[in-house]
N, C-alpha and C. Protein backbone atom coordinates (compact mmCIF):
# COMPACT_ATOMS: atom_id res chain seq x y z
N MET A 1 18.95 1.70 14.29
CA MET A 1 18.89 2.99 13.64
C MET A 1 17.44 3.45 13.56
N THR A 2 17.15 4.59 14.15
CA THR A 2 15.81 5.15 14.13
C THR A 2 15.67 6.09 12.94
N GLN A 3 14.59 5.94 12.23
CA GLN A 3 14.37 6.75 11.05
C GLN A 3 13.42 7.90 11.41
N ASN A 4 13.74 9.10 10.97
CA ASN A 4 12.87 10.25 11.18
C ASN A 4 11.64 10.10 10.32
N LYS A 5 10.49 10.00 10.93
CA LYS A 5 9.26 9.79 10.19
C LYS A 5 8.44 11.07 10.08
N LYS A 6 9.14 12.16 9.82
CA LYS A 6 8.46 13.45 9.65
C LYS A 6 8.89 14.05 8.32
N LEU A 7 7.95 14.66 7.66
CA LEU A 7 8.22 15.31 6.38
C LEU A 7 8.42 16.81 6.60
N ASP A 8 9.22 17.43 5.74
CA ASP A 8 9.36 18.88 5.84
C ASP A 8 8.15 19.54 5.15
N ILE A 9 8.04 20.84 5.30
CA ILE A 9 6.88 21.58 4.81
C ILE A 9 6.69 21.40 3.30
N GLU A 10 7.79 21.44 2.55
CA GLU A 10 7.70 21.30 1.09
C GLU A 10 7.21 19.91 0.71
N GLN A 11 7.71 18.88 1.40
CA GLN A 11 7.27 17.52 1.12
C GLN A 11 5.78 17.34 1.40
N VAL A 12 5.32 17.91 2.51
CA VAL A 12 3.90 17.82 2.88
C VAL A 12 3.04 18.51 1.82
N ALA A 13 3.45 19.71 1.42
CA ALA A 13 2.68 20.46 0.42
C ALA A 13 2.60 19.70 -0.89
N ALA A 14 3.73 19.15 -1.33
CA ALA A 14 3.76 18.40 -2.59
C ALA A 14 2.92 17.15 -2.49
N LEU A 15 2.99 16.47 -1.35
CA LEU A 15 2.20 15.25 -1.17
C LEU A 15 0.71 15.56 -1.17
N PHE A 16 0.30 16.60 -0.48
CA PHE A 16 -1.11 16.99 -0.46
C PHE A 16 -1.62 17.32 -1.86
N GLU A 17 -0.79 17.99 -2.66
CA GLU A 17 -1.17 18.32 -4.03
C GLU A 17 -1.41 17.04 -4.84
N ILE A 18 -0.51 16.08 -4.73
CA ILE A 18 -0.63 14.81 -5.46
C ILE A 18 -1.88 14.05 -4.99
N LEU A 19 -2.04 13.95 -3.66
CA LEU A 19 -3.16 13.18 -3.12
C LEU A 19 -4.51 13.83 -3.51
N LYS A 20 -4.56 15.15 -3.47
CA LYS A 20 -5.80 15.84 -3.83
C LYS A 20 -6.15 15.60 -5.31
N LYS A 21 -5.16 15.74 -6.19
CA LYS A 21 -5.42 15.49 -7.61
C LYS A 21 -5.90 14.06 -7.84
N ARG A 22 -5.26 13.11 -7.18
CA ARG A 22 -5.66 11.70 -7.35
C ARG A 22 -7.06 11.48 -6.79
N PHE A 23 -7.35 12.08 -5.64
CA PHE A 23 -8.66 11.97 -5.02
C PHE A 23 -9.74 12.49 -5.98
N GLU A 24 -9.53 13.67 -6.51
CA GLU A 24 -10.51 14.30 -7.40
C GLU A 24 -10.66 13.56 -8.72
N ALA A 25 -9.60 12.96 -9.21
CA ALA A 25 -9.64 12.25 -10.49
C ALA A 25 -10.26 10.86 -10.37
N ASN A 26 -10.43 10.38 -9.15
CA ASN A 26 -10.92 9.02 -8.94
C ASN A 26 -12.06 8.96 -7.94
N MET A 27 -13.04 9.82 -8.11
CA MET A 27 -14.15 9.89 -7.16
C MET A 27 -14.95 8.59 -7.06
N HIS A 28 -14.87 7.73 -8.07
CA HIS A 28 -15.57 6.45 -8.02
C HIS A 28 -15.04 5.55 -6.90
N ARG A 29 -13.85 5.84 -6.41
CA ARG A 29 -13.26 5.05 -5.33
C ARG A 29 -13.79 5.48 -3.96
N HIS A 30 -14.29 6.68 -3.86
CA HIS A 30 -14.70 7.24 -2.56
C HIS A 30 -15.80 8.28 -2.76
N LYS A 31 -16.92 7.85 -3.29
CA LYS A 31 -18.02 8.75 -3.68
C LYS A 31 -18.52 9.65 -2.55
N ASP A 32 -18.55 9.13 -1.35
CA ASP A 32 -19.17 9.88 -0.24
C ASP A 32 -18.15 10.61 0.63
N LEU A 33 -16.91 10.74 0.16
CA LEU A 33 -15.90 11.40 0.98
C LEU A 33 -15.59 12.79 0.45
N SER A 34 -15.15 13.65 1.35
CA SER A 34 -14.81 15.02 1.02
C SER A 34 -13.30 15.22 1.22
N TRP A 35 -12.63 15.81 0.23
CA TRP A 35 -11.19 16.02 0.34
C TRP A 35 -10.85 16.90 1.55
N SER A 36 -11.64 17.91 1.84
CA SER A 36 -11.32 18.80 2.97
C SER A 36 -11.29 18.04 4.28
N VAL A 37 -12.19 17.08 4.47
CA VAL A 37 -12.20 16.26 5.68
C VAL A 37 -10.94 15.39 5.74
N ILE A 38 -10.60 14.78 4.62
CA ILE A 38 -9.41 13.93 4.55
C ILE A 38 -8.16 14.74 4.84
N GLU A 39 -8.05 15.90 4.20
CA GLU A 39 -6.89 16.76 4.40
C GLU A 39 -6.74 17.18 5.87
N ASP A 40 -7.85 17.59 6.48
CA ASP A 40 -7.81 17.99 7.90
C ASP A 40 -7.33 16.85 8.78
N ARG A 41 -7.82 15.65 8.54
CA ARG A 41 -7.42 14.51 9.36
C ARG A 41 -5.97 14.12 9.11
N LEU A 42 -5.55 14.18 7.87
CA LEU A 42 -4.15 13.85 7.57
C LEU A 42 -3.18 14.83 8.22
N GLN A 43 -3.56 16.09 8.29
CA GLN A 43 -2.69 17.09 8.91
C GLN A 43 -2.43 16.77 10.38
N GLN A 44 -3.32 16.02 10.99
CA GLN A 44 -3.16 15.64 12.39
C GLN A 44 -2.39 14.33 12.56
N GLN A 45 -2.00 13.70 11.44
CA GLN A 45 -1.33 12.40 11.50
C GLN A 45 -0.03 12.39 10.70
N PRO A 46 1.02 13.01 11.21
CA PRO A 46 2.28 13.09 10.46
C PRO A 46 2.88 11.73 10.11
N GLU A 47 2.69 10.72 10.94
CA GLU A 47 3.24 9.40 10.60
C GLU A 47 2.50 8.77 9.43
N LYS A 48 1.20 9.01 9.33
CA LYS A 48 0.44 8.50 8.17
C LYS A 48 0.90 9.23 6.90
N LEU A 49 1.12 10.53 7.01
CA LEU A 49 1.64 11.29 5.88
C LEU A 49 3.00 10.73 5.44
N TRP A 50 3.84 10.42 6.40
CA TRP A 50 5.16 9.87 6.09
C TRP A 50 5.01 8.55 5.33
N SER A 51 4.09 7.69 5.78
CA SER A 51 3.87 6.41 5.10
C SER A 51 3.37 6.61 3.68
N LEU A 52 2.44 7.54 3.50
CA LEU A 52 1.93 7.84 2.17
C LEU A 52 3.05 8.36 1.27
N TYR A 53 3.92 9.16 1.84
CA TYR A 53 5.07 9.68 1.10
C TYR A 53 5.98 8.53 0.66
N GLN A 54 6.19 7.58 1.55
CA GLN A 54 7.02 6.40 1.21
C GLN A 54 6.39 5.61 0.07
N MET A 55 5.08 5.48 0.11
CA MET A 55 4.38 4.78 -0.97
C MET A 55 4.61 5.49 -2.30
N GLU A 56 4.49 6.81 -2.30
CA GLU A 56 4.73 7.61 -3.50
C GLU A 56 6.17 7.45 -3.98
N GLU A 57 7.11 7.50 -3.05
CA GLU A 57 8.52 7.44 -3.40
C GLU A 57 8.91 6.12 -4.06
N THR A 58 8.18 5.05 -3.77
CA THR A 58 8.49 3.75 -4.36
C THR A 58 7.66 3.49 -5.61
N GLY A 59 6.96 4.51 -6.10
CA GLY A 59 6.19 4.38 -7.33
C GLY A 59 4.73 4.06 -7.14
N GLY A 60 4.28 4.08 -5.89
CA GLY A 60 2.88 3.79 -5.61
C GLY A 60 1.97 4.98 -5.86
N GLU A 61 0.69 4.71 -5.78
CA GLU A 61 -0.33 5.76 -5.97
C GLU A 61 -1.40 5.60 -4.88
N PRO A 62 -1.06 5.98 -3.64
CA PRO A 62 -2.04 5.83 -2.57
C PRO A 62 -3.26 6.71 -2.75
N ASP A 63 -4.42 6.12 -2.44
CA ASP A 63 -5.68 6.86 -2.50
C ASP A 63 -6.56 6.32 -1.39
N ILE A 64 -7.35 7.19 -0.80
CA ILE A 64 -8.22 6.77 0.30
C ILE A 64 -9.43 6.02 -0.28
N LEU A 65 -9.77 4.92 0.37
CA LEU A 65 -10.96 4.18 -0.03
C LEU A 65 -11.94 4.05 1.12
N VAL A 66 -11.47 4.18 2.35
CA VAL A 66 -12.36 4.00 3.50
C VAL A 66 -12.09 5.09 4.54
N LEU A 67 -13.16 5.66 5.04
CA LEU A 67 -13.09 6.59 6.17
C LEU A 67 -14.13 6.12 7.15
N ASP A 68 -13.67 5.51 8.23
CA ASP A 68 -14.57 4.97 9.24
C ASP A 68 -15.10 6.13 10.10
N ALA A 69 -16.39 6.39 10.03
CA ALA A 69 -17.00 7.51 10.76
C ALA A 69 -16.87 7.37 12.26
N LYS A 70 -16.95 6.13 12.75
CA LYS A 70 -16.89 5.91 14.20
C LYS A 70 -15.48 6.09 14.75
N SER A 71 -14.51 5.47 14.12
CA SER A 71 -13.15 5.51 14.64
C SER A 71 -12.31 6.62 14.02
N SER A 72 -12.80 7.24 12.97
CA SER A 72 -12.07 8.26 12.22
C SER A 72 -10.87 7.69 11.49
N GLU A 73 -10.78 6.37 11.40
CA GLU A 73 -9.65 5.75 10.73
C GLU A 73 -9.77 5.94 9.22
N MET A 74 -8.66 6.37 8.63
CA MET A 74 -8.57 6.53 7.19
C MET A 74 -7.76 5.38 6.65
N ILE A 75 -8.31 4.67 5.66
CA ILE A 75 -7.59 3.55 5.08
C ILE A 75 -7.27 3.88 3.63
N PHE A 76 -6.00 3.95 3.36
CA PHE A 76 -5.51 4.20 2.01
C PHE A 76 -5.04 2.89 1.42
N TYR A 77 -5.30 2.73 0.12
CA TYR A 77 -4.82 1.57 -0.62
C TYR A 77 -3.87 2.08 -1.70
N ASP A 78 -2.93 1.25 -2.09
CA ASP A 78 -2.09 1.63 -3.22
C ASP A 78 -2.86 1.32 -4.48
N CYS A 79 -3.18 2.34 -5.23
CA CYS A 79 -4.01 2.17 -6.43
C CYS A 79 -3.20 2.26 -7.71
N ALA A 80 -1.90 1.98 -7.64
CA ALA A 80 -1.10 1.89 -8.85
C ALA A 80 -1.61 0.71 -9.66
N VAL A 81 -1.74 0.88 -10.96
CA VAL A 81 -2.30 -0.17 -11.81
C VAL A 81 -1.49 -1.45 -11.71
N GLU A 82 -0.18 -1.32 -11.64
CA GLU A 82 0.73 -2.47 -11.49
C GLU A 82 1.54 -2.28 -10.21
N THR A 83 2.09 -3.37 -9.71
CA THR A 83 2.93 -3.28 -8.52
C THR A 83 4.03 -2.26 -8.77
N PRO A 84 4.19 -1.28 -7.88
CA PRO A 84 5.20 -0.25 -8.07
C PRO A 84 6.60 -0.83 -8.26
N LYS A 85 7.36 -0.22 -9.16
CA LYS A 85 8.71 -0.71 -9.46
C LYS A 85 9.58 -0.78 -8.21
N GLY A 86 9.41 0.14 -7.29
CA GLY A 86 10.21 0.14 -6.08
C GLY A 86 9.85 -0.94 -5.09
N ARG A 87 8.81 -1.73 -5.41
CA ARG A 87 8.40 -2.82 -4.52
C ARG A 87 8.23 -4.13 -5.27
N ARG A 88 8.98 -4.32 -6.34
CA ARG A 88 8.92 -5.57 -7.10
C ARG A 88 10.11 -6.44 -6.75
N SER A 89 10.05 -7.67 -7.19
CA SER A 89 11.15 -8.64 -7.01
C SER A 89 11.52 -8.80 -5.54
N LEU A 90 10.53 -9.02 -4.72
CA LEU A 90 10.74 -9.24 -3.30
C LEU A 90 10.25 -10.64 -2.92
N CYS A 91 10.91 -11.26 -1.94
CA CYS A 91 10.36 -12.47 -1.34
C CYS A 91 9.21 -12.03 -0.43
N TYR A 92 8.44 -13.01 0.06
CA TYR A 92 7.33 -12.66 0.94
C TYR A 92 7.82 -12.11 2.28
N ASP A 93 8.66 -12.89 2.98
CA ASP A 93 9.12 -12.45 4.30
C ASP A 93 10.57 -12.86 4.51
N ARG A 94 11.11 -12.59 5.71
CA ARG A 94 12.51 -12.88 6.02
C ARG A 94 12.81 -14.37 5.87
N ALA A 95 11.90 -15.23 6.32
CA ALA A 95 12.14 -16.68 6.22
C ALA A 95 12.29 -17.09 4.75
N ALA A 96 11.47 -16.55 3.89
CA ALA A 96 11.56 -16.88 2.46
C ALA A 96 12.86 -16.35 1.87
N LEU A 97 13.25 -15.15 2.28
CA LEU A 97 14.49 -14.57 1.79
C LEU A 97 15.69 -15.39 2.24
N ASP A 98 15.71 -15.77 3.52
CA ASP A 98 16.82 -16.55 4.05
C ASP A 98 16.90 -17.94 3.42
N ALA A 99 15.77 -18.47 2.98
CA ALA A 99 15.74 -19.82 2.39
C ALA A 99 16.22 -19.82 0.94
N ARG A 100 16.24 -18.67 0.30
CA ARG A 100 16.67 -18.61 -1.11
C ARG A 100 18.17 -18.90 -1.20
N LYS A 101 18.53 -19.81 -2.07
CA LYS A 101 19.93 -20.16 -2.27
C LYS A 101 20.58 -19.31 -3.37
N GLU A 102 19.83 -19.10 -4.45
CA GLU A 102 20.36 -18.37 -5.61
C GLU A 102 19.39 -17.24 -5.97
N HIS A 103 19.92 -16.24 -6.63
CA HIS A 103 19.11 -15.13 -7.15
C HIS A 103 18.25 -14.50 -6.07
N LYS A 104 18.88 -14.26 -4.92
CA LYS A 104 18.13 -13.64 -3.80
C LYS A 104 17.76 -12.20 -4.12
N PRO A 105 16.51 -11.84 -3.87
CA PRO A 105 16.14 -10.42 -3.97
C PRO A 105 16.82 -9.64 -2.85
N ASP A 106 16.77 -8.34 -2.95
CA ASP A 106 17.39 -7.50 -1.93
C ASP A 106 16.60 -7.46 -0.63
N ASN A 107 15.32 -7.75 -0.69
CA ASN A 107 14.50 -7.59 0.50
C ASN A 107 13.25 -8.44 0.39
N ASN A 108 12.34 -8.22 1.37
CA ASN A 108 11.09 -8.99 1.39
C ASN A 108 9.91 -8.03 1.64
N ALA A 109 8.76 -8.44 1.18
CA ALA A 109 7.57 -7.58 1.20
C ALA A 109 7.12 -7.21 2.60
N VAL A 110 7.17 -8.16 3.52
CA VAL A 110 6.70 -7.89 4.89
C VAL A 110 7.56 -6.80 5.55
N GLU A 111 8.88 -6.92 5.45
CA GLU A 111 9.76 -5.94 6.09
C GLU A 111 9.74 -4.59 5.37
N VAL A 112 9.60 -4.60 4.06
CA VAL A 112 9.49 -3.34 3.33
C VAL A 112 8.22 -2.60 3.79
N ALA A 113 7.12 -3.32 3.87
CA ALA A 113 5.86 -2.70 4.34
C ALA A 113 6.01 -2.16 5.75
N GLU A 114 6.60 -2.95 6.64
CA GLU A 114 6.79 -2.50 8.02
C GLU A 114 7.65 -1.24 8.08
N ALA A 115 8.71 -1.20 7.30
CA ALA A 115 9.60 -0.04 7.28
C ALA A 115 8.87 1.22 6.77
N MET A 116 7.88 1.01 5.91
CA MET A 116 7.12 2.14 5.37
C MET A 116 5.94 2.52 6.27
N GLY A 117 5.69 1.71 7.29
CA GLY A 117 4.56 1.99 8.18
C GLY A 117 3.23 1.60 7.59
N ILE A 118 3.23 0.61 6.68
CA ILE A 118 2.00 0.15 6.04
C ILE A 118 1.86 -1.35 6.26
N GLU A 119 0.73 -1.90 5.84
CA GLU A 119 0.48 -3.32 5.97
C GLU A 119 0.14 -3.92 4.62
N LEU A 120 0.47 -5.19 4.45
CA LEU A 120 0.02 -5.90 3.26
C LEU A 120 -1.49 -6.07 3.35
N LEU A 121 -2.14 -6.06 2.21
CA LEU A 121 -3.58 -6.31 2.19
C LEU A 121 -3.85 -7.80 2.49
N THR A 122 -5.02 -8.08 3.02
CA THR A 122 -5.49 -9.45 3.12
C THR A 122 -6.06 -9.85 1.77
N GLU A 123 -6.31 -11.14 1.58
CA GLU A 123 -6.95 -11.58 0.33
C GLU A 123 -8.29 -10.88 0.15
N GLU A 124 -9.05 -10.76 1.22
CA GLU A 124 -10.37 -10.13 1.16
C GLU A 124 -10.26 -8.66 0.76
N GLN A 125 -9.32 -7.94 1.36
CA GLN A 125 -9.12 -6.54 0.99
C GLN A 125 -8.70 -6.42 -0.46
N TYR A 126 -7.86 -7.33 -0.92
CA TYR A 126 -7.43 -7.31 -2.32
C TYR A 126 -8.63 -7.51 -3.25
N ARG A 127 -9.51 -8.45 -2.89
CA ARG A 127 -10.71 -8.68 -3.71
C ARG A 127 -11.60 -7.42 -3.73
N GLN A 128 -11.74 -6.79 -2.57
CA GLN A 128 -12.55 -5.56 -2.51
C GLN A 128 -11.94 -4.47 -3.40
N LEU A 129 -10.64 -4.36 -3.39
CA LEU A 129 -9.96 -3.39 -4.24
C LEU A 129 -10.19 -3.71 -5.73
N GLN A 130 -10.10 -4.99 -6.07
CA GLN A 130 -10.32 -5.40 -7.47
C GLN A 130 -11.77 -5.17 -7.90
N ALA A 131 -12.70 -5.15 -6.96
CA ALA A 131 -14.11 -4.90 -7.29
C ALA A 131 -14.34 -3.44 -7.68
N ILE A 132 -13.46 -2.57 -7.21
CA ILE A 132 -13.56 -1.13 -7.51
C ILE A 132 -12.92 -0.82 -8.87
N GLU A 133 -11.80 -1.49 -9.12
CA GLU A 133 -10.99 -1.20 -10.30
C GLU A 133 -10.06 -2.38 -10.53
N HIS A 134 -9.59 -2.58 -11.76
CA HIS A 134 -8.69 -3.70 -12.03
C HIS A 134 -7.23 -3.28 -11.87
N PHE A 135 -6.52 -4.01 -11.04
CA PHE A 135 -5.10 -3.78 -10.78
C PHE A 135 -4.33 -5.06 -11.08
N ASP A 136 -3.02 -4.95 -11.17
CA ASP A 136 -2.15 -6.12 -11.39
C ASP A 136 -2.55 -6.91 -12.62
N LEU A 137 -2.64 -6.24 -13.74
CA LEU A 137 -2.93 -6.94 -15.00
C LEU A 137 -1.70 -7.64 -15.54
N LYS A 138 -0.51 -7.14 -15.17
CA LYS A 138 0.75 -7.74 -15.62
C LYS A 138 1.65 -8.15 -14.47
N THR A 139 1.34 -7.72 -13.27
CA THR A 139 2.16 -8.02 -12.09
C THR A 139 1.33 -8.77 -11.06
N SER A 140 1.98 -9.17 -9.99
CA SER A 140 1.29 -9.81 -8.86
C SER A 140 1.70 -9.09 -7.59
N SER A 141 0.83 -9.13 -6.58
CA SER A 141 1.11 -8.49 -5.30
C SER A 141 1.01 -9.51 -4.18
N TRP A 142 2.00 -9.48 -3.29
CA TRP A 142 1.92 -10.31 -2.10
C TRP A 142 0.78 -9.82 -1.22
N VAL A 143 0.06 -10.75 -0.61
CA VAL A 143 -0.98 -10.40 0.37
C VAL A 143 -0.65 -11.08 1.68
N LYS A 144 -1.23 -10.56 2.75
CA LYS A 144 -0.98 -11.12 4.08
C LYS A 144 -1.34 -12.61 4.05
N THR A 145 -0.37 -13.43 4.41
CA THR A 145 -0.54 -14.88 4.32
C THR A 145 -0.80 -15.46 5.71
N PRO A 146 -1.82 -16.30 5.85
CA PRO A 146 -2.11 -16.92 7.15
C PRO A 146 -0.94 -17.77 7.63
N GLU A 147 -0.78 -17.83 8.94
CA GLU A 147 0.32 -18.58 9.54
C GLU A 147 0.33 -20.05 9.14
N ASP A 148 -0.85 -20.65 8.99
CA ASP A 148 -0.88 -22.08 8.62
C ASP A 148 -0.31 -22.30 7.22
N VAL A 149 -0.49 -21.34 6.32
CA VAL A 149 0.09 -21.45 4.99
C VAL A 149 1.61 -21.21 5.06
N ARG A 150 2.04 -20.23 5.86
CA ARG A 150 3.47 -19.96 6.03
C ARG A 150 4.16 -21.15 6.65
N ALA A 151 3.50 -21.82 7.59
CA ALA A 151 4.10 -22.99 8.26
C ALA A 151 4.42 -24.11 7.25
N LEU A 152 3.68 -24.12 6.16
CA LEU A 152 3.92 -25.12 5.11
C LEU A 152 4.91 -24.61 4.06
N GLY A 153 5.41 -23.41 4.27
CA GLY A 153 6.39 -22.83 3.34
C GLY A 153 5.78 -22.03 2.21
N GLY A 154 4.46 -21.84 2.25
CA GLY A 154 3.79 -21.11 1.18
C GLY A 154 3.58 -19.66 1.52
N ALA A 155 3.23 -18.88 0.51
CA ALA A 155 2.84 -17.49 0.68
C ALA A 155 1.87 -17.19 -0.46
N ILE A 156 1.00 -16.23 -0.24
CA ILE A 156 -0.07 -15.96 -1.20
C ILE A 156 0.16 -14.64 -1.92
N PHE A 157 0.03 -14.68 -3.23
CA PHE A 157 0.05 -13.45 -4.01
C PHE A 157 -1.20 -13.42 -4.88
N CYS A 158 -1.59 -12.24 -5.29
CA CYS A 158 -2.80 -12.07 -6.08
C CYS A 158 -2.50 -11.23 -7.31
N ASP A 159 -3.30 -11.43 -8.34
CA ASP A 159 -3.24 -10.61 -9.54
C ASP A 159 -4.59 -10.72 -10.24
N SER A 160 -4.74 -10.05 -11.35
CA SER A 160 -6.00 -10.17 -12.09
C SER A 160 -5.74 -10.55 -13.54
N ARG A 161 -4.61 -11.16 -13.80
CA ARG A 161 -4.26 -11.52 -15.18
C ARG A 161 -5.18 -12.58 -15.77
N TYR A 162 -5.78 -13.37 -14.95
CA TYR A 162 -6.59 -14.47 -15.45
C TYR A 162 -8.07 -14.27 -15.15
N GLY A 163 -8.47 -13.02 -14.98
CA GLY A 163 -9.87 -12.71 -14.73
C GLY A 163 -10.36 -13.10 -13.36
N ARG A 164 -9.44 -13.27 -12.41
CA ARG A 164 -9.81 -13.66 -11.05
C ARG A 164 -9.18 -12.72 -10.05
């Protein structure tokens, strides 16, 4: 089943309004960036807009933190203070979900992210995000887990509940 990854005009307008307000309210996250540049680039990337919309729809608060001048790549992070309700109670990946015998969640973080057109943060990216602002004071977030850790049956999540 192929999913239409395009937003209608009203959805785009509403999303731009939300993103602009968040951008302007959180200039400490992107001091050297201009909203007009971000908006122009986003208008050229309907699939990125669709992914940002999916983040919003699941309770996230995407905000741009990086704009690579050389590649023009825009990197948005979910800046919701806690893990969004629409993305909680998930196993790490399909293998973890399949291995659960009881109390299986409905889905897993890796496949949910893929379906939304986004990626899990690495541990390093998560630390960089925490250096800007404190997130996950009451929740935890899955981060991209190295294959050697997955091979042992583990997966990595991060939070800041313990000052780390």
